[in-house]
Amino acid sequence: MMPDDEQILAEVNLMLVEIIGEDYVLGLHIGMDTYFDADLELESIEFVRLAAALTEHYGEQVNFVAFLADRQIDEIINLTVGDVVRHVAGCMAISTAGAVHG
């Protein structure tokens, strides 16, 4: 069964807590409109850890590095948690459709 946006958001939240620390996110609401840069102040190494966590959890079809490579620097700076959730959901939908039709 394919996860929905709400489930993916919850899973990404857990990954972020593990990456940036429970103390840092304590009291923060991480939602679809949360910015990685402005709100979470994610460092580049933390982005790398997030990419690895996404791949580990969802598989190779969620290629976060390629997702970032297709973006301009200002788009990366303004990236939201929702952008990542929608990317994961889209990759999962393509993967599921391929499995059904393949």
C-alpha atoms as a PDB file:
ATOM      1  CA  MET A   1       0.000   0.000   0.000  1.00  0.00           C
ATOM      2  CA  MET A   2       1.326   3.395  -0.989  1.00  0.00           C
ATOM      3  CA  PRO A   3       1.862   5.925   1.832  1.00  0.00           C
ATOM      4  CA  ASP A   4      -0.102   9.176   1.656  1.00  0.00           C
ATOM      5  CA  ASP A   5       1.308  12.680   2.183  1.00  0.00           C
ATOM      6  CA  GLU A   6       0.362  12.665   5.866  1.00  0.00           C
ATOM      7  CA  GLN A   7       2.204   9.406   6.515  1.00  0.00           C
ATOM      8  CA  ILE A   8       5.247  10.560   4.520  1.00  0.00           C
ATOM      9  CA  LEU A   9       5.238  13.852   6.463  1.00  0.00           C
ATOM     10  CA  ALA A  10       5.249  11.931   9.749  1.00  0.00           C
ATOM     11  CA  GLU A  11       8.123   9.739   8.545  1.00  0.00           C
ATOM     12  CA  VAL A  12      10.138  12.748   7.309  1.00  0.00           C
ATOM     13  CA  ASN A  13       9.507  14.406  10.686  1.00  0.00           C
ATOM     14  CA  LEU A  14      11.010  11.390  12.459  1.00  0.00           C
ATOM     15  CA  MET A  15      14.024  11.511  10.148  1.00  0.00           C
ATOM     16  CA  LEU A  16      14.518  15.217  10.847  1.00  0.00           C
ATOM     17  CA  VAL A  17      14.312  14.681  14.610  1.00  0.00           C
ATOM     18  CA  GLU A  18      17.015  12.034  14.297  1.00  0.00           C
ATOM     19  CA  ILE A  19      19.176  14.247  12.054  1.00  0.00           C
ATOM     20  CA  ILE A  20      18.957  17.616  13.792  1.00  0.00           C
ATOM     21  CA  GLY A  21      18.188  16.456  17.305  1.00  0.00           C
ATOM     22  CA  GLU A  22      15.155  16.227  19.487  1.00  0.00           C
ATOM     23  CA  ASP A  23      16.216  19.252  21.543  1.00  0.00           C
ATOM     24  CA  TYR A  24      16.324  21.469  18.446  1.00  0.00           C
ATOM     25  CA  VAL A  25      12.907  20.490  17.127  1.00  0.00           C
ATOM     26  CA  LEU A  26      11.275  20.540  20.558  1.00  0.00           C
ATOM     27  CA  GLY A  27       8.501  23.102  20.362  1.00  0.00           C
ATOM     28  CA  LEU A  28       8.733  23.408  16.573  1.00  0.00           C
ATOM     29  CA  HIS A  29       5.838  22.375  14.388  1.00  0.00           C
ATOM     30  CA  ILE A  30       7.274  20.779  11.269  1.00  0.00           C
ATOM     31  CA  GLY A  31       4.614  20.854   8.587  1.00  0.00           C
ATOM     32  CA  MET A  32       4.313  21.024   4.829  1.00  0.00           C
ATOM     33  CA  ASP A  33       5.141  24.766   4.835  1.00  0.00           C
ATOM     34  CA  THR A  34       8.254  24.460   7.018  1.00  0.00           C
ATOM     35  CA  TYR A  35      11.361  25.756   5.253  1.00  0.00           C
ATOM     36  CA  PHE A  36      14.552  23.721   5.606  1.00  0.00           C
ATOM     37  CA  ASP A  37      16.718  26.845   5.548  1.00  0.00           C
ATOM     38  CA  ALA A  38      14.720  29.615   7.239  1.00  0.00           C
ATOM     39  CA  ASP A  39      12.827  27.508   9.784  1.00  0.00           C
ATOM     40  CA  LEU A  40      15.015  24.473  10.463  1.00  0.00           C
ATOM     41  CA  GLU A  41      18.388  26.024   9.535  1.00  0.00           C
ATOM     42  CA  LEU A  42      19.486  22.710   8.007  1.00  0.00           C
ATOM     43  CA  GLU A  43      23.191  22.555   7.174  1.00  0.00           C
ATOM     44  CA  SER A  44      24.415  20.908   3.969  1.00  0.00           C
ATOM     45  CA  ILE A  45      25.702  17.863   5.869  1.00  0.00           C
ATOM     46  CA  GLU A  46      22.226  17.449   7.379  1.00  0.00           C
ATOM     47  CA  PHE A  47      20.747  17.542   3.874  1.00  0.00           C
ATOM     48  CA  VAL A  48      23.132  14.719   2.959  1.00  0.00           C
ATOM     49  CA  ARG A  49      21.939  12.739   5.977  1.00  0.00           C
ATOM     50  CA  LEU A  50      18.315  13.405   5.010  1.00  0.00           C
ATOM     51  CA  ALA A  51      19.008  12.155   1.472  1.00  0.00           C
ATOM     52  CA  ALA A  52      20.553   8.982   2.884  1.00  0.00           C
ATOM     53  CA  ALA A  53      17.634   8.465   5.289  1.00  0.00           C
ATOM     54  CA  LEU A  54      15.074   8.935   2.500  1.00  0.00           C
ATOM     55  CA  THR A  55      16.892   6.415   0.288  1.00  0.00           C
ATOM     56  CA  GLU A  56      17.258   3.948   3.133  1.00  0.00           C
ATOM     57  CA  HIS A  57      13.579   4.198   4.066  1.00  0.00           C
ATOM     58  CA  TYR A  58      11.919   4.492   0.643  1.00  0.00           C
ATOM     59  CA  GLY A  59      14.493   2.921  -1.677  1.00  0.00           C
ATOM     60  CA  GLU A  60      16.516   4.064  -4.641  1.00  0.00           C
ATOM     61  CA  GLN A  61      13.471   5.400  -6.529  1.00  0.00           C
ATOM     62  CA  VAL A  62      13.483   8.405  -4.173  1.00  0.00           C
ATOM     63  CA  ASN A  63      16.649   9.970  -5.563  1.00  0.00           C
ATOM     64  CA  PHE A  64      16.893  13.094  -3.418  1.00  0.00           C
ATOM     65  CA  VAL A  65      20.283  14.056  -4.845  1.00  0.00           C
ATOM     66  CA  ALA A  66      18.838  14.106  -8.382  1.00  0.00           C
ATOM     67  CA  PHE A  67      15.811  16.015  -7.045  1.00  0.00           C
ATOM     68  CA  LEU A  68      18.133  18.714  -5.670  1.00  0.00           C
ATOM     69  CA  ALA A  69      20.349  18.696  -8.763  1.00  0.00           C
ATOM     70  CA  ASP A  70      17.371  19.759 -10.892  1.00  0.00           C
ATOM     71  CA  ARG A  71      16.895  22.920  -8.812  1.00  0.00           C
ATOM     72  CA  GLN A  72      18.459  26.365  -8.841  1.00  0.00           C
ATOM     73  CA  ILE A  73      20.194  27.574  -5.662  1.00  0.00           C
ATOM     74  CA  ASP A  74      17.288  29.889  -4.729  1.00  0.00           C
ATOM     75  CA  GLU A  75      14.861  26.966  -5.095  1.00  0.00           C
ATOM     76  CA  ILE A  76      17.025  24.862  -2.785  1.00  0.00           C
ATOM     77  CA  ILE A  77      17.201  27.682  -0.233  1.00  0.00           C
ATOM     78  CA  ASN A  78      13.396  27.981  -0.332  1.00  0.00           C
ATOM     79  CA  LEU A  79      12.766  24.217  -0.206  1.00  0.00           C
ATOM     80  CA  THR A  80       9.994  23.165   2.167  1.00  0.00           C
ATOM     81  CA  VAL A  81       9.241  19.904   3.907  1.00  0.00           C
ATOM     82  CA  GLY A  82       6.148  19.735   1.685  1.00  0.00           C
ATOM     83  CA  ASP A  83       8.343  19.826  -1.437  1.00  0.00           C
ATOM     84  CA  VAL A  84      10.177  16.750  -0.178  1.00  0.00           C
ATOM     85  CA  VAL A  85       6.949  14.992   0.863  1.00  0.00           C
ATOM     86  CA  ARG A  86       5.462  15.598  -2.596  1.00  0.00           C
ATOM     87  CA  HIS A  87       8.684  14.360  -4.246  1.00  0.00           C
ATOM     88  CA  VAL A  88       8.613  11.145  -2.208  1.00  0.00           C
ATOM     89  CA  ALA A  89       4.894  10.635  -2.910  1.00  0.00           C
ATOM     90  CA  GLY A  90       5.462  11.181  -6.624  1.00  0.00           C
ATOM     91  CA  CYS A  91       8.363   8.724  -6.715  1.00  0.00           C
ATOM     92  CA  MET A  92       6.342   6.150  -4.812  1.00  0.00           C
ATOM     93  CA  ALA A  93       3.381   6.591  -7.190  1.00  0.00           C
ATOM     94  CA  ILE A  94       5.641   6.137 -10.251  1.00  0.00           C
ATOM     95  CA  SER A  95       7.263   3.101  -8.652  1.00  0.00           C
ATOM     96  CA  THR A  96       3.885   1.568  -7.789  1.00  0.00           C
ATOM     97  CA  ALA A  97       2.485   2.298 -11.263  1.00  0.00           C
ATOM     98  CA  GLY A  98       5.559   0.691 -12.818  1.00  0.00           C
ATOM     99  CA  ALA A  99       5.156  -2.386 -10.633  1.00  0.00           C
ATOM    100  CA  VAL A 100       1.482  -2.681 -11.571  1.00  0.00           C
ATOM    101  CA  HIS A 101       2.087  -2.201 -15.304  1.00  0.00           C
ATOM    102  CA  GLY A 102       5.482  -3.877 -15.469  1.00  0.00           C
END
